[in-house]
């Protein structure tokens, strides 16, 4: 069974992909989103000032802003703690399952 990612985890993956100037296709693959979902997140992140959009002809490129870098740092800590919590819950579940036998 696959685990549904939180909005914070998705935003983290997008901002992380945009540390260097990149296009939508690369962001889409790095963040494992379909194009419609990616567009929704990119629009919000650009409007909020976390990403900068640069247009060259028909092509759009995205790069993280200063405020986006600050948010990315916060999200890195959050995602790390979230994964640590999940690991601890798994370990605890293993121990507690012995009491149910």
PDB file of N, CA and C in Angstrom:
ATOM      1  N   UNK A   1       0.852  -1.185   0.000  1.00  0.00           N
ATOM      2  CA  UNK A   1       0.000   0.000   0.000  1.00  0.00           C
ATOM      3  C   UNK A   1       0.892   1.241   0.000  1.00  0.00           C
ATOM      4  N   UNK A   2       0.588   2.189  -0.866  1.00  0.00           N
ATOM      5  CA  UNK A   2       1.391   3.401  -0.917  1.00  0.00           C
ATOM      6  C   UNK A   2       0.850   4.426   0.064  1.00  0.00           C
ATOM      7  N   UNK A   3       1.768   5.184   0.613  1.00  0.00           N
ATOM      8  CA  UNK A   3       1.409   6.204   1.593  1.00  0.00           C
ATOM      9  C   UNK A   3       1.166   7.520   0.862  1.00  0.00           C
ATOM     10  N   UNK A   4       0.091   8.169   1.193  1.00  0.00           N
ATOM     11  CA  UNK A   4      -0.212   9.463   0.598  1.00  0.00           C
ATOM     12  C   UNK A   4       0.710  10.513   1.201  1.00  0.00           C
ATOM     13  N   UNK A   5       1.327  11.313   0.345  1.00  0.00           N
ATOM     14  CA  UNK A   5       2.220  12.366   0.821  1.00  0.00           C
ATOM     15  C   UNK A   5       1.418  13.569   1.299  1.00  0.00           C
ATOM     16  N   UNK A   6       1.977  14.236   2.276  1.00  0.00           N
ATOM     17  CA  UNK A   6       1.343  15.456   2.769  1.00  0.00           C
ATOM     18  C   UNK A   6       1.639  16.603   1.804  1.00  0.00           C
ATOM     19  N   UNK A   7       0.861  17.656   1.912  1.00  0.00           N
ATOM     20  CA  UNK A   7       1.105  18.857   1.117  1.00  0.00           C
ATOM     21  C   UNK A   7       2.502  19.392   1.379  1.00  0.00           C
ATOM     22  N   UNK A   8       2.930  19.358   2.632  1.00  0.00           N
ATOM     23  CA  UNK A   8       4.278  19.838   2.987  1.00  0.00           C
ATOM     24  C   UNK A   8       5.349  19.033   2.268  1.00  0.00           C
ATOM     25  N   UNK A   9       5.168  17.717   2.181  1.00  0.00           N
ATOM     26  CA  UNK A   9       6.149  16.872   1.493  1.00  0.00           C
ATOM     27  C   UNK A   9       6.186  17.172  -0.003  1.00  0.00           C
ATOM     28  N   UNK A  10       5.038  17.443  -0.592  1.00  0.00           N
ATOM     29  CA  UNK A  10       4.974  17.771  -2.012  1.00  0.00           C
ATOM     30  C   UNK A  10       5.655  19.115  -2.271  1.00  0.00           C
ATOM     31  N   UNK A  11       5.352  20.105  -1.452  1.00  0.00           N
ATOM     32  CA  UNK A  11       5.972  21.423  -1.607  1.00  0.00           C
ATOM     33  C   UNK A  11       7.481  21.317  -1.428  1.00  0.00           C
ATOM     34  N   UNK A  12       7.901  20.509  -0.457  1.00  0.00           N
ATOM     35  CA  UNK A  12       9.329  20.288  -0.242  1.00  0.00           C
ATOM     36  C   UNK A  12       9.981  19.747  -1.517  1.00  0.00           C
ATOM     37  N   UNK A  13       9.369  18.756  -2.137  1.00  0.00           N
ATOM     38  CA  UNK A  13       9.961  18.149  -3.333  1.00  0.00           C
ATOM     39  C   UNK A  13      10.028  19.146  -4.496  1.00  0.00           C
ATOM     40  N   UNK A  14       9.028  20.004  -4.616  1.00  0.00           N
ATOM     41  CA  UNK A  14       9.031  21.010  -5.682  1.00  0.00           C
ATOM     42  C   UNK A  14      10.123  22.053  -5.432  1.00  0.00           C
ATOM     43  N   UNK A  15      10.156  22.600  -4.222  1.00  0.00           N
ATOM     44  CA  UNK A  15      11.170  23.610  -3.909  1.00  0.00           C
ATOM     45  C   UNK A  15      12.576  23.033  -4.033  1.00  0.00           C
ATOM     46  N   UNK A  16      12.749  21.812  -3.596  1.00  0.00           N
ATOM     47  CA  UNK A  16      14.054  21.157  -3.686  1.00  0.00           C
ATOM     48  C   UNK A  16      14.484  21.004  -5.145  1.00  0.00           C
ATOM     49  N   UNK A  17      13.540  20.673  -6.015  1.00  0.00           N
ATOM     50  CA  UNK A  17      13.836  20.530  -7.440  1.00  0.00           C
ATOM     51  C   UNK A  17      14.205  21.867  -8.083  1.00  0.00           C
ATOM     52  N   UNK A  18      13.762  22.963  -7.475  1.00  0.00           N
ATOM     53  CA  UNK A  18      13.983  24.293  -8.040  1.00  0.00           C
ATOM     54  C   UNK A  18      15.181  25.014  -7.431  1.00  0.00           C
ATOM     55  N   UNK A  19      16.014  24.299  -6.712  1.00  0.00           N
ATOM     56  CA  UNK A  19      17.225  24.929  -6.162  1.00  0.00           C
ATOM     57  C   UNK A  19      18.072  25.507  -7.295  1.00  0.00           C
ATOM     58  N   UNK A  20      18.052  24.808  -8.412  1.00  0.00           N
ATOM     59  CA  UNK A  20      18.664  25.321  -9.629  1.00  0.00           C
ATOM     60  C   UNK A  20      17.545  25.549 -10.628  1.00  0.00           C
ATOM     61  N   UNK A  21      17.711  26.521 -11.467  1.00  0.00           N
ATOM     62  CA  UNK A  21      16.712  26.867 -12.479  1.00  0.00           C
ATOM     63  C   UNK A  21      16.346  25.623 -13.284  1.00  0.00           C
ATOM     64  N   UNK A  22      15.048  25.345 -13.365  1.00  0.00           N
ATOM     65  CA  UNK A  22      14.613  24.119 -14.037  1.00  0.00           C
ATOM     66  C   UNK A  22      13.240  24.301 -14.675  1.00  0.00           C
ATOM     67  N   UNK A  23      12.888  23.376 -15.545  1.00  0.00           N
ATOM     68  CA  UNK A  23      11.602  23.483 -16.244  1.00  0.00           C
ATOM     69  C   UNK A  23      10.543  22.595 -15.600  1.00  0.00           C
ATOM     70  N   UNK A  24       9.311  22.731 -16.075  1.00  0.00           N
ATOM     71  CA  UNK A  24       8.179  22.009 -15.476  1.00  0.00           C
ATOM     72  C   UNK A  24       8.336  20.500 -15.562  1.00  0.00           C
ATOM     73  N   UNK A  25       8.859  20.013 -16.673  1.00  0.00           N
ATOM     74  CA  UNK A  25       8.991  18.566 -16.838  1.00  0.00           C
ATOM     75  C   UNK A  25       9.915  17.971 -15.785  1.00  0.00           C
ATOM     76  N   UNK A  26      11.042  18.596 -15.549  1.00  0.00           N
ATOM     77  CA  UNK A  26      11.980  18.090 -14.556  1.00  0.00           C
ATOM     78  C   UNK A  26      11.384  18.181 -13.148  1.00  0.00           C
ATOM     79  N   UNK A  27      10.654  19.250 -12.883  1.00  0.00           N
ATOM     80  CA  UNK A  27      10.005  19.397 -11.577  1.00  0.00           C
ATOM     81  C   UNK A  27       8.937  18.315 -11.407  1.00  0.00           C
ATOM     82  N   UNK A  28       8.193  18.053 -12.468  1.00  0.00           N
ATOM     83  CA  UNK A  28       7.127  17.060 -12.432  1.00  0.00           C
ATOM     84  C   UNK A  28       7.698  15.684 -12.067  1.00  0.00           C
ATOM     85  N   UNK A  29       8.788  15.307 -12.700  1.00  0.00           N
ATOM     86  CA  UNK A  29       9.397  14.006 -12.396  1.00  0.00           C
ATOM     87  C   UNK A  29      10.027  13.993 -11.002  1.00  0.00           C
ATOM     88  N   UNK A  30      10.677  15.079 -10.609  1.00  0.00           N
ATOM     89  CA  UNK A  30      11.328  15.134  -9.296  1.00  0.00           C
ATOM     90  C   UNK A  30      10.305  15.091  -8.160  1.00  0.00           C
ATOM     91  N   UNK A  31       9.128  15.653  -8.402  1.00  0.00           N
ATOM     92  CA  UNK A  31       8.111  15.715  -7.352  1.00  0.00           C
ATOM     93  C   UNK A  31       7.043  14.626  -7.487  1.00  0.00           C
ATOM     94  N   UNK A  32       7.146  13.816  -8.532  1.00  0.00           N
ATOM     95  CA  UNK A  32       6.203  12.707  -8.773  1.00  0.00           C
ATOM     96  C   UNK A  32       4.747  13.168  -8.779  1.00  0.00           C
ATOM     97  N   UNK A  33       4.495  14.230  -9.540  1.00  0.00           N
ATOM     98  CA  UNK A  33       3.135  14.760  -9.692  1.00  0.00           C
ATOM     99  C   UNK A  33       2.719  14.697 -11.153  1.00  0.00           C
ATOM    100  N   UNK A  34       1.418  14.639 -11.386  1.00  0.00           N
ATOM    101  CA  UNK A  34       0.959  14.777 -12.761  1.00  0.00           C
ATOM    102  C   UNK A  34       0.968  16.270 -13.118  1.00  0.00           C
ATOM    103  N   UNK A  35       0.811  16.548 -14.398  1.00  0.00           N
ATOM    104  CA  UNK A  35       0.975  17.923 -14.853  1.00  0.00           C
ATOM    105  C   UNK A  35      -0.056  18.877 -14.243  1.00  0.00           C
ATOM    106  N   UNK A  36      -1.298  18.440 -14.113  1.00  0.00           N
ATOM    107  CA  UNK A  36      -2.353  19.304 -13.559  1.00  0.00           C
ATOM    108  C   UNK A  36      -2.063  19.661 -12.101  1.00  0.00           C
ATOM    109  N   UNK A  37      -1.661  18.664 -11.315  1.00  0.00           N
ATOM    110  CA  UNK A  37      -1.326  18.921  -9.909  1.00  0.00           C
ATOM    111  C   UNK A  37      -0.113  19.829  -9.801  1.00  0.00           C
ATOM    112  N   UNK A  38       0.899  19.569 -10.622  1.00  0.00           N
ATOM    113  CA  UNK A  38       2.100  20.394 -10.595  1.00  0.00           C
ATOM    114  C   UNK A  38       1.759  21.840 -10.899  1.00  0.00           C
ATOM    115  N   UNK A  39       0.951  22.062 -11.917  1.00  0.00           N
ATOM    116  CA  UNK A  39       0.577  23.431 -12.295  1.00  0.00           C
ATOM    117  C   UNK A  39      -0.098  24.150 -11.139  1.00  0.00           C
ATOM    118  N   UNK A  40      -0.976  23.443 -10.428  1.00  0.00           N
ATOM    119  CA  UNK A  40      -1.671  24.031  -9.281  1.00  0.00           C
ATOM    120  C   UNK A  40      -0.665  24.481  -8.221  1.00  0.00           C
ATOM    121  N   UNK A  41       0.268  23.601  -7.882  1.00  0.00           N
ATOM    122  CA  UNK A  41       1.270  23.945  -6.869  1.00  0.00           C
ATOM    123  C   UNK A  41       2.197  25.066  -7.343  1.00  0.00           C
ATOM    124  N   UNK A  42       2.633  24.998  -8.604  1.00  0.00           N
ATOM    125  CA  UNK A  42       3.527  26.047  -9.116  1.00  0.00           C
ATOM    126  C   UNK A  42       2.855  27.411  -9.084  1.00  0.00           C
ATOM    127  N   UNK A  43       1.590  27.454  -9.487  1.00  0.00           N
ATOM    128  CA  UNK A  43       0.859  28.727  -9.470  1.00  0.00           C
ATOM    129  C   UNK A  43       0.819  29.317  -8.058  1.00  0.00           C
ATOM    130  N   UNK A  44       0.530  28.491  -7.087  1.00  0.00           N
ATOM    131  CA  UNK A  44       0.450  28.964  -5.699  1.00  0.00           C
ATOM    132  C   UNK A  44       1.825  29.408  -5.203  1.00  0.00           C
ATOM    133  N   UNK A  45       2.848  28.604  -5.484  1.00  0.00           N
ATOM    134  CA  UNK A  45       4.198  28.926  -5.008  1.00  0.00           C
ATOM    135  C   UNK A  45       4.739  30.201  -5.656  1.00  0.00           C
ATOM    136  N   UNK A  46       4.420  30.425  -6.921  1.00  0.00           N
ATOM    137  CA  UNK A  46       4.850  31.661  -7.587  1.00  0.00           C
ATOM    138  C   UNK A  46       4.086  32.855  -7.015  1.00  0.00           C
ATOM    139  N   UNK A  47       2.761  32.737  -6.889  1.00  0.00           N
ATOM    140  CA  UNK A  47       1.954  33.830  -6.346  1.00  0.00           C
ATOM    141  C   UNK A  47       2.352  34.173  -4.918  1.00  0.00           C
ATOM    142  N   UNK A  48       2.788  33.172  -4.160  1.00  0.00           N
ATOM    143  CA  UNK A  48       3.195  33.389  -2.769  1.00  0.00           C
ATOM    144  C   UNK A  48       4.628  33.909  -2.652  1.00  0.00           C
ATOM    145  N   UNK A  49       5.353  33.931  -3.758  1.00  0.00           N
ATOM    146  CA  UNK A  49       6.710  34.459  -3.750  1.00  0.00           C
ATOM    147  C   UNK A  49       7.793  33.457  -3.367  1.00  0.00           C
ATOM    148  N   UNK A  50       7.442  32.167  -3.294  1.00  0.00           N
ATOM    149  CA  UNK A  50       8.428  31.147  -2.941  1.00  0.00           C
ATOM    150  C   UNK A  50       9.225  30.672  -4.151  1.00  0.00           C
ATOM    151  N   UNK A  51       8.641  30.831  -5.341  1.00  0.00           N
ATOM    152  CA  UNK A  51       9.323  30.518  -6.592  1.00  0.00           C
ATOM    153  C   UNK A  51       9.251  31.714  -7.510  1.00  0.00           C
ATOM    154  N   UNK A  52      10.258  31.825  -8.352  1.00  0.00           N
ATOM    155  CA  UNK A  52      10.259  32.841  -9.403  1.00  0.00           C
ATOM    156  C   UNK A  52      10.112  32.123 -10.733  1.00  0.00           C
ATOM    157  N   UNK A  53       9.239  32.640 -11.575  1.00  0.00           N
ATOM    158  CA  UNK A  53       9.054  32.077 -12.907  1.00  0.00           C
ATOM    159  C   UNK A  53       9.766  32.960 -13.910  1.00  0.00           C
ATOM    160  N   UNK A  54      10.565  32.347 -14.766  1.00  0.00           N
ATOM    161  CA  UNK A  54      11.285  33.068 -15.809  1.00  0.00           C
ATOM    162  C   UNK A  54      10.843  32.501 -17.149  1.00  0.00           C
ATOM    163  N   UNK A  55      10.408  33.369 -18.044  1.00  0.00           N
ATOM    164  CA  UNK A  55       9.940  32.937 -19.353  1.00  0.00           C
ATOM    165  C   UNK A  55      10.977  33.269 -20.416  1.00  0.00           C
ATOM    166  N   UNK A  56      11.235  32.284 -21.266  1.00  0.00           N
ATOM    167  CA  UNK A  56      12.116  32.462 -22.429  1.00  0.00           C
ATOM    168  C   UNK A  56      11.372  31.914 -23.625  1.00  0.00           C
ATOM    169  N   UNK A  57      10.791  32.801 -24.398  1.00  0.00           N
ATOM    170  CA  UNK A  57       9.983  32.349 -25.528  1.00  0.00           C
ATOM    171  C   UNK A  57       8.795  31.559 -25.026  1.00  0.00           C
ATOM    172  N   UNK A  58       8.664  30.323 -25.527  1.00  0.00           N
ATOM    173  CA  UNK A  58       7.557  29.456 -25.110  1.00  0.00           C
ATOM    174  C   UNK A  58       7.867  28.698 -23.831  1.00  0.00           C
ATOM    175  N   UNK A  59       9.093  28.748 -23.383  1.00  0.00           N
ATOM    176  CA  UNK A  59       9.523  27.950 -22.231  1.00  0.00           C
ATOM    177  C   UNK A  59       9.458  28.737 -20.931  1.00  0.00           C
ATOM    178  N   UNK A  60       9.040  28.036 -19.871  1.00  0.00           N
ATOM    179  CA  UNK A  60       9.027  28.608 -18.526  1.00  0.00           C
ATOM    180  C   UNK A  60      10.022  27.846 -17.671  1.00  0.00           C
ATOM    181  N   UNK A  61      10.759  28.597 -16.875  1.00  0.00           N
ATOM    182  CA  UNK A  61      11.720  28.011 -15.941  1.00  0.00           C
ATOM    183  C   UNK A  61      11.405  28.530 -14.548  1.00  0.00           C
ATOM    184  N   UNK A  62      11.737  27.729 -13.557  1.00  0.00           N
ATOM    185  CA  UNK A  62      11.441  28.094 -12.175  1.00  0.00           C
ATOM    186  C   UNK A  62      12.714  28.023 -11.353  1.00  0.00           C
ATOM    187  N   UNK A  63      12.820  28.962 -10.434  1.00  0.00           N
ATOM    188  CA  UNK A  63      13.951  28.984  -9.515  1.00  0.00           C
ATOM    189  C   UNK A  63      13.433  29.435  -8.155  1.00  0.00           C
ATOM    190  N   UNK A  64      14.010  28.874  -7.114  1.00  0.00           N
ATOM    191  CA  UNK A  64      13.571  29.174  -5.758  1.00  0.00           C
ATOM    192  C   UNK A  64      13.983  30.603  -5.377  1.00  0.00           C
ATOM    193  N   UNK A  65      13.130  31.301  -4.649  1.00  0.00           N
ATOM    194  CA  UNK A  65      13.417  32.659  -4.174  1.00  0.00           C
ATOM    195  C   UNK A  65      14.058  32.589  -2.787  1.00  0.00           C
ATOM    196  N   UNK A  66      14.422  33.740  -2.267  1.00  0.00           N
ATOM    197  CA  UNK A  66      15.006  33.785  -0.924  1.00  0.00           C
ATOM    198  C   UNK A  66      13.997  33.278   0.118  1.00  0.00           C
ATOM    199  N   UNK A  67      12.755  33.724   0.002  1.00  0.00           N
ATOM    200  CA  UNK A  67      11.738  33.245   0.956  1.00  0.00           C
ATOM    201  C   UNK A  67      11.455  31.762   0.731  1.00  0.00           C
ATOM    202  N   UNK A  68      11.579  31.300  -0.500  1.00  0.00           N
ATOM    203  CA  UNK A  68      11.426  29.885  -0.790  1.00  0.00           C
ATOM    204  C   UNK A  68      12.530  29.058  -0.141  1.00  0.00           C
ATOM    205  N   UNK A  69      13.748  29.606  -0.125  1.00  0.00           N
ATOM    206  CA  UNK A  69      14.852  28.919   0.545  1.00  0.00           C
ATOM    207  C   UNK A  69      14.600  28.798   2.037  1.00  0.00           C
ATOM    208  N   UNK A  70      14.063  29.844   2.631  1.00  0.00           N
ATOM    209  CA  UNK A  70      13.742  29.778   4.064  1.00  0.00           C
ATOM    210  C   UNK A  70      12.670  28.714   4.323  1.00  0.00           C
ATOM    211  N   UNK A  71      11.639  28.706   3.475  1.00  0.00           N
ATOM    212  CA  UNK A  71      10.593  27.691   3.612  1.00  0.00           C
ATOM    213  C   UNK A  71      11.164  26.297   3.402  1.00  0.00           C
ATOM    214  N   UNK A  72      12.051  26.131   2.435  1.00  0.00           N
ATOM    215  CA  UNK A  72      12.665  24.831   2.172  1.00  0.00           C
ATOM    216  C   UNK A  72      13.431  24.333   3.391  1.00  0.00           C
ATOM    217  N   UNK A  73      14.143  25.207   4.064  1.00  0.00           N
ATOM    218  CA  UNK A  73      14.871  24.817   5.272  1.00  0.00           C
ATOM    219  C   UNK A  73      13.916  24.312   6.357  1.00  0.00           C
ATOM    220  N   UNK A  74      12.801  25.007   6.518  1.00  0.00           N
ATOM    221  CA  UNK A  74      11.792  24.582   7.500  1.00  0.00           C
ATOM    222  C   UNK A  74      11.205  23.231   7.099  1.00  0.00           C
ATOM    223  N   UNK A  75      10.883  23.084   5.823  1.00  0.00           N
ATOM    224  CA  UNK A  75      10.295  21.838   5.346  1.00  0.00           C
ATOM    225  C   UNK A  75      11.274  20.671   5.431  1.00  0.00           C
ATOM    226  N   UNK A  76      12.560  20.928   5.220  1.00  0.00           N
ATOM    227  CA  UNK A  76      13.561  19.869   5.366  1.00  0.00           C
ATOM    228  C   UNK A  76      13.537  19.308   6.780  1.00  0.00           C
ATOM    229  N   UNK A  77      13.476  20.195   7.757  1.00  0.00           N
ATOM    230  CA  UNK A  77      13.402  19.753   9.156  1.00  0.00           C
ATOM    231  C   UNK A  77      12.109  18.987   9.409  1.00  0.00           C
ATOM    232  N   UNK A  78      11.013  19.517   8.899  1.00  0.00           N
ATOM    233  CA  UNK A  78       9.710  18.883   9.101  1.00  0.00           C
ATOM    234  C   UNK A  78       9.670  17.492   8.486  1.00  0.00           C
ATOM    235  N   UNK A  79      10.104  17.361   7.241  1.00  0.00           N
ATOM    236  CA  UNK A  79      10.069  16.075   6.545  1.00  0.00           C
ATOM    237  C   UNK A  79      10.986  15.071   7.253  1.00  0.00           C
ATOM    238  N   UNK A  80      12.138  15.530   7.704  1.00  0.00           N
ATOM    239  CA  UNK A  80      13.050  14.656   8.452  1.00  0.00           C
ATOM    240  C   UNK A  80      12.369  14.141   9.730  1.00  0.00           C
ATOM    241  N   UNK A  81      11.746  15.049  10.469  1.00  0.00           N
ATOM    242  CA  UNK A  81      11.055  14.656  11.701  1.00  0.00           C
ATOM    243  C   UNK A  81       9.878  13.731  11.417  1.00  0.00           C
ATOM    244  N   UNK A  82       9.168  14.000  10.345  1.00  0.00           N
ATOM    245  CA  UNK A  82       8.027  13.170   9.964  1.00  0.00           C
ATOM    246  C   UNK A  82       8.475  11.742   9.671  1.00  0.00           C
ATOM    247  N   UNK A  83       9.559  11.604   8.912  1.00  0.00           N
ATOM    248  CA  UNK A  83      10.064  10.269   8.595  1.00  0.00           C
ATOM    249  C   UNK A  83      10.616   9.577   9.842  1.00  0.00           C
ATOM    250  N   UNK A  84      11.248  10.346  10.711  1.00  0.00           N
ATOM    251  CA  UNK A  84      11.747   9.794  11.967  1.00  0.00           C
ATOM    252  C   UNK A  84      10.582   9.292  12.827  1.00  0.00           C
ATOM    253  N   UNK A  85       9.511  10.074  12.878  1.00  0.00           N
ATOM    254  CA  UNK A  85       8.316   9.695  13.640  1.00  0.00           C
ATOM    255  C   UNK A  85       7.726   8.396  13.097  1.00  0.00           C
ATOM    256  N   UNK A  86       7.635   8.284  11.782  1.00  0.00           N
ATOM    257  CA  UNK A  86       7.089   7.077  11.171  1.00  0.00           C
ATOM    258  C   UNK A  86       7.951   5.860  11.492  1.00  0.00           C
ATOM    259  N   UNK A  87       9.254   6.032  11.480  1.00  0.00           N
ATOM    260  CA  UNK A  87      10.166   4.929  11.812  1.00  0.00           C
ATOM    261  C   UNK A  87       9.984   4.511  13.267  1.00  0.00           C
ATOM    262  N   UNK A  88       9.881   5.496  14.157  1.00  0.00           N
ATOM    263  CA  UNK A  88       9.676   5.186  15.573  1.00  0.00           C
ATOM    264  C   UNK A  88       8.336   4.493  15.809  1.00  0.00           C
ATOM    265  N   UNK A  89       7.293   4.932  15.108  1.00  0.00           N
ATOM    266  CA  UNK A  89       5.984   4.292  15.244  1.00  0.00           C
ATOM    267  C   UNK A  89       6.046   2.840  14.778  1.00  0.00           C
ATOM    268  N   UNK A  90       6.786   2.585  13.714  1.00  0.00           N
ATOM    269  CA  UNK A  90       6.944   1.230  13.208  1.00  0.00           C
ATOM    270  C   UNK A  90       7.668   0.352  14.228  1.00  0.00           C
ATOM    271  N   UNK A  91       8.746   0.883  14.776  1.00  0.00           N
ATOM    272  CA  UNK A  91       9.505   0.136  15.780  1.00  0.00           C
ATOM    273  C   UNK A  91       8.657  -0.125  17.021  1.00  0.00           C
ATOM    274  N   UNK A  92       7.927   0.873  17.448  1.00  0.00           N
ATOM    275  CA  UNK A  92       7.067   0.721  18.611  1.00  0.00           C
ATOM    276  C   UNK A  92       5.967  -0.305  18.338  1.00  0.00           C
ATOM    277  N   UNK A  93       5.416  -0.261  17.134  1.00  0.00           N
ATOM    278  CA  UNK A  93       4.392  -1.234  16.753  1.00  0.00           C
ATOM    279  C   UNK A  93       4.910  -2.650  16.823  1.00  0.00           C
ATOM    280  N   UNK A  94       6.164  -2.838  16.391  1.00  0.00           N
ATOM    281  CA  UNK A  94       6.775  -4.167  16.468  1.00  0.00           C
ATOM    282  C   UNK A  94       6.864  -4.653  17.914  1.00  0.00           C
ATOM    283  N   UNK A  95       7.273  -3.771  18.794  1.00  0.00           N
ATOM    284  CA  UNK A  95       7.414  -4.136  20.214  1.00  0.00           C
ATOM    285  C   UNK A  95       6.046  -4.410  20.819  1.00  0.00           C
ATOM    286  N   UNK A  96       5.099  -3.513  20.560  1.00  0.00           N
ATOM    287  CA  UNK A  96       3.766  -3.666  21.165  1.00  0.00           C
ATOM    288  C   UNK A  96       3.016  -4.876  20.632  1.00  0.00           C
ATOM    289  N   UNK A  97       3.313  -5.301  19.422  1.00  0.00           N
ATOM    290  CA  UNK A  97       2.628  -6.460  18.856  1.00  0.00           C
ATOM    291  C   UNK A  97       2.918  -7.721  19.653  1.00  0.00           C
ATOM    292  N   UNK A  98       4.055  -7.758  20.316  1.00  0.00           N
ATOM    293  CA  UNK A  98       4.415  -8.915  21.137  1.00  0.00           C
ATOM    294  C   UNK A  98       3.505  -9.038  22.358  1.00  0.00           C
ATOM    295  N   UNK A  99       2.928  -7.943  22.784  1.00  0.00           N
ATOM    296  CA  UNK A  99       2.037  -7.951  23.925  1.00  0.00           C
ATOM    297  C   UNK A  99       0.636  -8.403  23.540  1.00  0.00           C
ATOM    298  N   UNK A 100       0.352  -8.391  22.252  1.00  0.00           N
ATOM    299  CA  UNK A 100      -0.973  -8.794  21.773  1.00  0.00           C
ATOM    300  C   UNK A 100      -1.030 -10.279  21.450  1.00  0.00           C
ATOM    301  N   UNK A 101       0.114 -10.945  21.453  1.00  0.00           N
ATOM    302  CA  UNK A 101       0.173 -12.368  21.083  1.00  0.00           C
ATOM    303  C   UNK A 101      -0.410 -13.254  22.138  1.00  0.00           C
TER     304      UNK A 101
END
